[in-house]
Amino acid sequence: MAESDGLKDVFSLSLRYVKQETVGPAKRLAGFVAFGLVATVATGIGMVLVGLGLLRLLQTETGTAFSGHLDWFPYLITIVLLAAAAGAAVLKIGKRR
């Protein structure tokens, strides 16, 4: 009978240890992932709005500079600047401390 109690204690202790070392860190990690997803969505929406604002600025405030056969140029400028911002973000993410 004493042997059976010892096995139960070992099993119970092992189970508590596994829960402590796996479930706890997984819950904390889920918080970081949720924060990252919210930040990613907010940044994406922000960049779309910045891109639209820049495009609208180039189309309305440059007068006739981008009229006629150059009417596609504000789109190119906006795409290049947004791609540069995305590239800078990717480079920043990839750097190690």
Protein backbone atom coordinates (compact mmCIF):
# COMPACT_ATOMS: atom_id res chain seq x y z
CA MET A 1 0.00 0.00 0.00
CA ALA A 2 2.83 2.41 0.75
CA GLU A 3 4.31 1.72 -2.67
CA SER A 4 1.04 2.71 -4.32
CA ASP A 5 0.95 6.02 -2.44
CA GLY A 6 4.52 6.73 -3.52
CA LEU A 7 3.66 6.14 -7.17
CA LYS A 8 0.64 8.42 -6.86
CA ASP A 9 2.81 11.12 -5.33
CA VAL A 10 5.42 10.81 -8.07
CA PHE A 11 2.75 10.92 -10.75
CA SER A 12 1.03 13.91 -9.12
CA LEU A 13 4.32 15.78 -8.74
CA SER A 14 5.30 15.01 -12.34
CA LEU A 15 1.94 16.20 -13.62
CA ARG A 16 2.15 19.47 -11.67
CA TYR A 17 5.70 20.04 -12.94
CA VAL A 18 4.70 19.47 -16.57
CA LYS A 19 1.75 21.85 -16.22
CA GLN A 20 3.94 24.48 -14.57
CA GLU A 21 6.61 24.28 -17.26
CA THR A 22 4.33 24.07 -20.31
CA VAL A 23 0.89 25.55 -19.67
CA GLY A 24 2.10 28.66 -17.81
CA PRO A 25 4.64 29.75 -20.44
CA ALA A 26 2.16 28.93 -23.22
CA LYS A 27 -0.42 31.27 -21.67
CA ARG A 28 2.16 34.06 -21.38
CA LEU A 29 3.22 33.47 -24.97
CA ALA A 30 -0.41 33.73 -26.12
CA GLY A 31 -0.55 37.23 -24.64
CA PHE A 32 2.51 38.29 -26.64
CA VAL A 33 1.08 36.77 -29.82
CA ALA A 34 -2.26 38.54 -29.32
CA PHE A 35 -0.49 41.87 -28.78
CA GLY A 36 1.61 41.28 -31.90
CA LEU A 37 -1.45 40.51 -34.03
CA VAL A 38 -3.26 43.64 -32.85
CA ALA A 39 -0.16 45.74 -33.53
CA THR A 40 0.22 44.20 -36.99
CA VAL A 41 -3.38 44.93 -37.94
CA ALA A 42 -3.15 48.50 -36.62
CA THR A 43 0.10 49.10 -38.49
CA GLY A 44 -1.37 47.68 -41.70
CA ILE A 45 -4.43 49.89 -41.48
CA GLY A 46 -2.23 52.88 -40.71
CA MET A 47 0.02 52.26 -43.68
CA VAL A 48 -2.97 51.95 -46.02
CA LEU A 49 -4.29 55.27 -44.76
CA VAL A 50 -0.87 56.92 -45.08
CA GLY A 51 -0.59 55.59 -48.63
CA LEU A 52 -4.02 56.89 -49.56
CA GLY A 53 -3.23 60.25 -48.00
CA LEU A 54 0.05 60.52 -49.86
CA LEU A 55 -1.58 59.57 -53.13
CA ARG A 56 -4.36 62.10 -52.62
CA LEU A 57 -1.79 64.77 -51.69
CA LEU A 58 0.21 64.13 -54.85
CA GLN A 59 -2.89 64.15 -57.01
CA THR A 60 -4.41 67.35 -55.66
CA GLU A 61 -1.60 69.58 -54.40
CA THR A 62 0.88 69.31 -57.28
CA GLY A 63 -1.26 71.26 -59.70
CA THR A 64 -0.74 70.20 -63.30
CA ALA A 65 2.66 68.60 -62.72
CA PHE A 66 1.20 65.10 -62.89
CA SER A 67 -1.47 65.63 -65.52
CA GLY A 68 -1.84 64.16 -68.96
CA HIS A 69 0.59 61.37 -69.72
CA LEU A 70 2.12 61.60 -66.20
CA ASP A 71 -1.11 60.89 -64.33
CA TRP A 72 0.26 57.48 -63.25
CA PHE A 73 3.31 59.02 -61.55
CA PRO A 74 1.66 59.68 -58.12
CA TYR A 75 0.78 55.98 -57.96
CA LEU A 76 4.40 55.02 -58.66
CA ILE A 77 5.73 57.43 -56.02
CA THR A 78 3.27 56.11 -53.44
CA ILE A 79 4.10 52.47 -54.19
CA VAL A 80 7.86 53.11 -54.02
CA LEU A 81 7.61 54.98 -50.71
CA LEU A 82 5.36 52.33 -49.15
CA ALA A 83 7.67 49.58 -50.39
CA ALA A 84 10.63 51.44 -48.88
CA ALA A 85 8.79 51.70 -45.54
CA ALA A 86 7.98 47.99 -45.65
CA GLY A 87 11.58 47.16 -46.53
CA ALA A 88 12.86 49.27 -43.64
CA ALA A 89 10.47 47.47 -41.28
CA VAL A 90 11.62 44.06 -42.52
CA LEU A 91 15.27 45.03 -42.10
CA LYS A 92 14.58 46.31 -38.59
CA ILE A 93 12.74 43.11 -37.65
CA GLY A 94 15.55 40.93 -38.98
CA LYS A 95 18.33 42.60 -36.98
CA ARG A 96 19.61 40.86 -33.90
CA ARG A 97 20.54 42.72 -30.75
